[in-house]
Amino acid sequence: MFTMPIDHFVDLQVQYVDAGGNPASIDGAVTWLSSNDAVVVLEPDRDDSTKCRATSAQTVGQVQVTATADADLGDGVRNLVTLMDMNVVAGEAVAGTISPAGESSPVEGTDGPR
């Protein structure tokens, strides 16, 4: 799983191979999909559909990125689905708050307020 801080992006690229591990072609453009646009928004590259920019939104969480391509080089269609799991985490701390961690209690040996 790839982990990325909120307010960041990463460029992705899908590559295809045949059964022997050799580079393989696909038929047509790759279709990209984020399982949750509130966590990661995808922008496919206009010139190369095998590339995509994944930008974190304003919500932390896990998301699955899917790249789907047609592996049948003929007239038919055989969808080849490639998956990537991403985890968007909170960024660096920039502020803090102090709050009580319980109820106030009297100090022993005192009569109360002075």
N, C-alpha and C. Protein backbone atom coordinates (compact mmCIF):
# COMPACT_ATOMS: atom_id res chain seq x y z
N MET A 1 0.85 -1.17 0.00
CA MET A 1 0.00 0.00 0.00
C MET A 1 0.90 1.24 0.00
N PHE A 2 0.55 2.18 -0.84
CA PHE A 2 1.28 3.44 -0.94
C PHE A 2 0.65 4.45 0.02
N THR A 3 1.48 5.10 0.84
CA THR A 3 0.98 6.09 1.80
C THR A 3 1.43 7.48 1.37
N MET A 4 0.47 8.42 1.42
CA MET A 4 0.73 9.79 0.97
C MET A 4 0.06 10.76 1.96
N PRO A 5 0.76 11.82 2.35
CA PRO A 5 0.14 12.83 3.22
C PRO A 5 -0.93 13.61 2.48
N ILE A 6 -1.89 14.11 3.22
CA ILE A 6 -2.93 14.96 2.66
C ILE A 6 -2.26 16.20 2.06
N ASP A 7 -2.87 16.83 1.08
CA ASP A 7 -2.33 17.99 0.38
C ASP A 7 -1.09 17.66 -0.44
N HIS A 8 -0.99 16.42 -0.92
CA HIS A 8 0.10 15.99 -1.79
C HIS A 8 -0.49 15.33 -3.03
N PHE A 9 0.35 15.10 -4.03
CA PHE A 9 -0.04 14.33 -5.20
C PHE A 9 1.09 13.41 -5.58
N VAL A 10 0.76 12.42 -6.39
CA VAL A 10 1.77 11.51 -6.93
C VAL A 10 1.36 11.17 -8.36
N ASP A 11 2.34 11.10 -9.26
CA ASP A 11 2.09 10.70 -10.63
C ASP A 11 2.19 9.18 -10.72
N LEU A 12 1.20 8.56 -11.35
CA LEU A 12 1.14 7.11 -11.50
C LEU A 12 1.28 6.73 -12.96
N GLN A 13 1.76 5.52 -13.21
CA GLN A 13 1.79 4.99 -14.57
C GLN A 13 1.58 3.49 -14.50
N VAL A 14 0.71 3.00 -15.36
CA VAL A 14 0.47 1.56 -15.46
C VAL A 14 1.25 1.04 -16.66
N GLN A 15 1.85 -0.12 -16.49
CA GLN A 15 2.61 -0.76 -17.57
C GLN A 15 2.10 -2.19 -17.70
N TYR A 16 2.06 -2.67 -18.92
CA TYR A 16 1.50 -3.99 -19.19
C TYR A 16 2.57 -4.92 -19.73
N VAL A 17 2.46 -6.20 -19.33
CA VAL A 17 3.39 -7.25 -19.77
C VAL A 17 2.59 -8.47 -20.19
N ASP A 18 3.23 -9.32 -21.01
CA ASP A 18 2.61 -10.58 -21.40
C ASP A 18 2.95 -11.65 -20.37
N ALA A 19 2.53 -12.89 -20.62
CA ALA A 19 2.76 -13.99 -19.68
C ALA A 19 4.24 -14.24 -19.42
N GLY A 20 5.11 -13.86 -20.36
CA GLY A 20 6.54 -14.05 -20.19
C GLY A 20 7.25 -12.86 -19.56
N GLY A 21 6.47 -11.82 -19.17
CA GLY A 21 7.07 -10.64 -18.56
C GLY A 21 7.58 -9.62 -19.55
N ASN A 22 7.28 -9.81 -20.83
CA ASN A 22 7.71 -8.88 -21.87
C ASN A 22 6.72 -7.73 -21.97
N PRO A 23 7.18 -6.53 -22.33
CA PRO A 23 6.25 -5.40 -22.51
C PRO A 23 5.16 -5.77 -23.52
N ALA A 24 3.92 -5.41 -23.20
CA ALA A 24 2.79 -5.76 -24.05
C ALA A 24 1.95 -4.52 -24.35
N SER A 25 1.28 -4.56 -25.48
CA SER A 25 0.42 -3.46 -25.92
C SER A 25 -1.01 -3.69 -25.45
N ILE A 26 -1.77 -2.61 -25.43
CA ILE A 26 -3.19 -2.66 -25.14
C ILE A 26 -3.92 -2.01 -26.31
N ASP A 27 -5.23 -2.20 -26.36
CA ASP A 27 -6.05 -1.64 -27.43
C ASP A 27 -6.84 -0.47 -26.88
N GLY A 28 -6.50 0.74 -27.29
CA GLY A 28 -7.23 1.92 -26.84
C GLY A 28 -6.65 2.54 -25.57
N ALA A 29 -7.44 3.43 -25.00
CA ALA A 29 -6.99 4.20 -23.84
C ALA A 29 -7.28 3.47 -22.53
N VAL A 30 -6.49 3.78 -21.52
CA VAL A 30 -6.69 3.28 -20.16
C VAL A 30 -7.75 4.15 -19.48
N THR A 31 -8.63 3.52 -18.73
CA THR A 31 -9.63 4.23 -17.94
C THR A 31 -9.22 4.16 -16.47
N TRP A 32 -9.12 5.32 -15.81
CA TRP A 32 -8.70 5.41 -14.41
C TRP A 32 -9.92 5.67 -13.53
N LEU A 33 -9.92 5.09 -12.30
CA LEU A 33 -11.03 5.28 -11.37
C LEU A 33 -10.51 5.25 -9.94
N SER A 34 -10.99 6.19 -9.13
CA SER A 34 -10.72 6.22 -7.69
C SER A 34 -11.95 5.67 -6.98
N SER A 35 -11.75 4.82 -5.99
CA SER A 35 -12.89 4.26 -5.26
C SER A 35 -13.55 5.29 -4.36
N ASN A 36 -12.87 6.42 -4.10
CA ASN A 36 -13.46 7.46 -3.25
C ASN A 36 -12.83 8.81 -3.61
N ASP A 37 -13.57 9.63 -4.36
CA ASP A 37 -13.06 10.94 -4.77
C ASP A 37 -12.92 11.91 -3.60
N ALA A 38 -13.49 11.60 -2.44
CA ALA A 38 -13.32 12.45 -1.27
C ALA A 38 -11.92 12.26 -0.67
N VAL A 39 -11.25 11.15 -1.04
CA VAL A 39 -9.90 10.86 -0.53
C VAL A 39 -8.85 11.15 -1.60
N VAL A 40 -9.05 10.64 -2.82
CA VAL A 40 -8.10 10.84 -3.92
C VAL A 40 -8.86 11.14 -5.20
N VAL A 41 -8.43 12.20 -5.88
CA VAL A 41 -8.99 12.57 -7.17
C VAL A 41 -7.94 12.25 -8.24
N LEU A 42 -8.39 11.66 -9.34
CA LEU A 42 -7.48 11.26 -10.42
C LEU A 42 -7.62 12.17 -11.63
N GLU A 43 -6.48 12.53 -12.23
CA GLU A 43 -6.44 13.31 -13.46
C GLU A 43 -5.61 12.54 -14.48
N PRO A 44 -6.25 11.84 -15.43
CA PRO A 44 -5.48 11.13 -16.46
C PRO A 44 -4.68 12.11 -17.31
N ASP A 45 -3.50 11.70 -17.74
CA ASP A 45 -2.66 12.50 -18.62
C ASP A 45 -3.34 12.62 -19.98
N ARG A 46 -3.38 13.81 -20.53
CA ARG A 46 -4.07 14.04 -21.81
C ARG A 46 -3.34 13.41 -22.99
N ASP A 47 -2.02 13.27 -22.87
CA ASP A 47 -1.22 12.76 -23.98
C ASP A 47 -0.90 11.27 -23.88
N ASP A 48 -0.96 10.71 -22.68
CA ASP A 48 -0.61 9.31 -22.47
C ASP A 48 -1.54 8.73 -21.41
N SER A 49 -2.53 7.95 -21.84
CA SER A 49 -3.54 7.45 -20.91
C SER A 49 -2.99 6.43 -19.92
N THR A 50 -1.74 5.97 -20.10
CA THR A 50 -1.15 5.07 -19.10
C THR A 50 -0.65 5.83 -17.88
N LYS A 51 -0.71 7.17 -17.95
CA LYS A 51 -0.26 8.00 -16.84
C LYS A 51 -1.44 8.74 -16.22
N CYS A 52 -1.31 9.00 -14.92
CA CYS A 52 -2.40 9.65 -14.19
C CYS A 52 -1.81 10.34 -12.95
N ARG A 53 -2.37 11.49 -12.59
CA ARG A 53 -1.98 12.18 -11.35
C ARG A 53 -3.03 11.90 -10.29
N ALA A 54 -2.58 11.42 -9.14
CA ALA A 54 -3.46 11.15 -8.00
C ALA A 54 -3.22 12.25 -6.97
N THR A 55 -4.25 13.04 -6.69
CA THR A 55 -4.15 14.16 -5.75
C THR A 55 -5.04 13.89 -4.56
N SER A 56 -4.49 14.07 -3.35
CA SER A 56 -5.32 13.87 -2.16
C SER A 56 -6.35 14.98 -2.06
N ALA A 57 -7.53 14.61 -1.62
CA ALA A 57 -8.58 15.59 -1.37
C ALA A 57 -8.41 16.05 0.09
N GLN A 58 -9.46 16.43 0.74
CA GLN A 58 -9.34 16.94 2.11
C GLN A 58 -9.76 15.93 3.17
N THR A 59 -9.83 14.65 2.79
CA THR A 59 -10.23 13.60 3.71
C THR A 59 -9.14 12.55 3.79
N VAL A 60 -8.78 12.12 4.99
CA VAL A 60 -7.84 11.02 5.13
C VAL A 60 -8.60 9.70 4.98
N GLY A 61 -7.90 8.66 4.59
CA GLY A 61 -8.52 7.35 4.45
C GLY A 61 -7.83 6.51 3.40
N GLN A 62 -8.41 5.34 3.18
CA GLN A 62 -7.86 4.41 2.19
C GLN A 62 -8.70 4.46 0.93
N VAL A 63 -8.04 4.26 -0.20
CA VAL A 63 -8.70 4.29 -1.49
C VAL A 63 -8.03 3.27 -2.39
N GLN A 64 -8.79 2.78 -3.36
CA GLN A 64 -8.23 1.89 -4.36
C GLN A 64 -8.29 2.58 -5.72
N VAL A 65 -7.16 2.62 -6.40
CA VAL A 65 -7.07 3.19 -7.73
C VAL A 65 -7.13 2.03 -8.73
N THR A 66 -7.96 2.19 -9.76
CA THR A 66 -8.14 1.15 -10.77
C THR A 66 -7.79 1.71 -12.14
N ALA A 67 -6.97 0.96 -12.88
CA ALA A 67 -6.68 1.26 -14.27
C ALA A 67 -7.21 0.10 -15.10
N THR A 68 -8.11 0.39 -16.04
CA THR A 68 -8.72 -0.65 -16.85
C THR A 68 -8.36 -0.43 -18.32
N ALA A 69 -7.92 -1.51 -18.98
CA ALA A 69 -7.53 -1.43 -20.38
C ALA A 69 -8.07 -2.64 -21.13
N ASP A 70 -8.19 -2.50 -22.43
CA ASP A 70 -8.62 -3.60 -23.30
C ASP A 70 -7.37 -4.36 -23.73
N ALA A 71 -7.25 -5.61 -23.28
CA ALA A 71 -6.07 -6.41 -23.61
C ALA A 71 -6.22 -7.16 -24.93
N ASP A 72 -7.43 -7.23 -25.48
CA ASP A 72 -7.67 -7.90 -26.76
C ASP A 72 -7.31 -6.93 -27.89
N LEU A 73 -6.29 -7.27 -28.65
CA LEU A 73 -5.82 -6.38 -29.71
C LEU A 73 -6.67 -6.47 -30.97
N GLY A 74 -7.66 -7.35 -30.98
CA GLY A 74 -8.55 -7.49 -32.14
C GLY A 74 -9.84 -6.73 -31.92
N ASP A 75 -10.92 -7.24 -32.54
CA ASP A 75 -12.23 -6.59 -32.46
C ASP A 75 -12.91 -6.79 -31.12
N GLY A 76 -12.53 -7.81 -30.39
CA GLY A 76 -13.17 -8.10 -29.11
C GLY A 76 -12.65 -7.20 -28.01
N VAL A 77 -13.24 -7.39 -26.82
CA VAL A 77 -12.82 -6.63 -25.65
C VAL A 77 -12.55 -7.62 -24.52
N ARG A 78 -11.38 -7.52 -23.92
CA ARG A 78 -11.05 -8.29 -22.71
C ARG A 78 -10.45 -7.30 -21.73
N ASN A 79 -11.28 -6.89 -20.75
CA ASN A 79 -10.83 -5.90 -19.78
C ASN A 79 -9.74 -6.48 -18.88
N LEU A 80 -8.67 -5.74 -18.78
CA LEU A 80 -7.58 -6.07 -17.87
C LEU A 80 -7.58 -4.98 -16.79
N VAL A 81 -7.86 -5.38 -15.55
CA VAL A 81 -8.00 -4.43 -14.45
C VAL A 81 -6.74 -4.51 -13.57
N THR A 82 -6.11 -3.37 -13.36
CA THR A 82 -4.92 -3.27 -12.51
C THR A 82 -5.27 -2.40 -11.32
N LEU A 83 -4.90 -2.85 -10.10
CA LEU A 83 -5.29 -2.17 -8.86
C LEU A 83 -4.09 -1.64 -8.10
N MET A 84 -4.30 -0.56 -7.38
CA MET A 84 -3.29 -0.01 -6.46
C MET A 84 -4.02 0.52 -5.23
N ASP A 85 -3.56 0.11 -4.05
CA ASP A 85 -4.13 0.60 -2.80
C ASP A 85 -3.32 1.80 -2.32
N MET A 86 -4.05 2.85 -1.90
CA MET A 86 -3.41 4.06 -1.38
C MET A 86 -4.00 4.40 -0.01
N ASN A 87 -3.18 4.98 0.83
CA ASN A 87 -3.60 5.44 2.15
C ASN A 87 -3.21 6.91 2.27
N VAL A 88 -4.19 7.77 2.46
CA VAL A 88 -3.93 9.20 2.65
C VAL A 88 -3.98 9.47 4.15
N VAL A 89 -2.89 10.02 4.67
CA VAL A 89 -2.77 10.27 6.11
C VAL A 89 -2.68 11.77 6.37
N ALA A 90 -2.89 12.15 7.62
CA ALA A 90 -2.80 13.55 8.01
C ALA A 90 -1.38 14.06 7.77
N GLY A 91 -1.28 15.34 7.47
CA GLY A 91 0.02 15.97 7.25
C GLY A 91 0.71 16.28 8.56
N GLU A 92 1.80 17.06 8.49
CA GLU A 92 2.54 17.47 9.68
C GLU A 92 1.68 18.36 10.55
N ALA A 93 1.88 18.25 11.87
CA ALA A 93 1.15 19.11 12.80
C ALA A 93 1.56 20.57 12.59
N VAL A 94 0.57 21.47 12.59
CA VAL A 94 0.83 22.90 12.44
C VAL A 94 0.25 23.71 13.59
N ALA A 95 -0.54 23.06 14.43
CA ALA A 95 -1.14 23.75 15.58
C ALA A 95 -1.53 22.69 16.61
N GLY A 96 -1.82 23.14 17.81
CA GLY A 96 -2.25 22.22 18.86
C GLY A 96 -3.27 22.88 19.76
N THR A 97 -3.95 22.07 20.53
CA THR A 97 -4.91 22.58 21.52
C THR A 97 -4.65 21.85 22.83
N ILE A 98 -4.90 22.55 23.93
CA ILE A 98 -4.80 21.95 25.25
C ILE A 98 -6.20 21.89 25.83
N SER A 99 -6.57 20.73 26.35
CA SER A 99 -7.89 20.58 26.95
C SER A 99 -7.78 19.70 28.18
N PRO A 100 -8.74 19.81 29.12
CA PRO A 100 -8.71 18.97 30.31
C PRO A 100 -8.77 17.49 29.93
N ALA A 101 -8.05 16.68 30.69
CA ALA A 101 -8.04 15.24 30.45
C ALA A 101 -8.93 14.53 31.46
N GLY A 102 -9.79 15.25 32.13
CA GLY A 102 -10.69 14.68 33.13
C GLY A 102 -11.34 15.80 33.91
N GLU A 103 -12.07 15.42 34.97
CA GLU A 103 -12.74 16.41 35.82
C GLU A 103 -11.74 17.04 36.79
N SER A 104 -12.01 18.28 37.21
CA SER A 104 -11.17 18.90 38.22
C SER A 104 -11.46 18.24 39.57
N SER A 105 -10.45 18.18 40.45
CA SER A 105 -10.58 17.55 41.76
C SER A 105 -9.96 18.44 42.81
N PRO A 106 -10.49 18.41 44.05
CA PRO A 106 -9.91 19.23 45.12
C PRO A 106 -8.52 18.71 45.50
N VAL A 107 -7.65 19.64 45.91
CA VAL A 107 -6.32 19.28 46.37
C VAL A 107 -6.45 18.85 47.83
N GLU A 108 -5.83 17.75 48.20
CA GLU A 108 -5.91 17.25 49.58
C GLU A 108 -5.25 18.23 50.54
N GLY A 109 -5.87 18.39 51.70
CA GLY A 109 -5.32 19.26 52.73
C GLY A 109 -5.73 20.71 52.60
N THR A 110 -6.68 21.02 51.80
CA THR A 110 -7.15 22.40 51.68
C THR A 110 -8.63 22.45 52.06
N ASP A 111 -9.06 23.59 52.49
CA ASP A 111 -10.45 23.78 52.91
C ASP A 111 -11.35 24.14 51.73
N GLY A 112 -10.81 24.30 50.59
CA GLY A 112 -11.60 24.70 49.45
C GLY A 112 -11.03 25.98 48.88
N PRO A 113 -11.85 26.77 48.20
CA PRO A 113 -11.37 27.99 47.55
C PRO A 113 -10.82 29.01 48.53
N ARG A 114 -9.85 29.79 48.13
CA ARG A 114 -9.27 30.83 48.99
C ARG A 114 -9.61 32.17 48.49
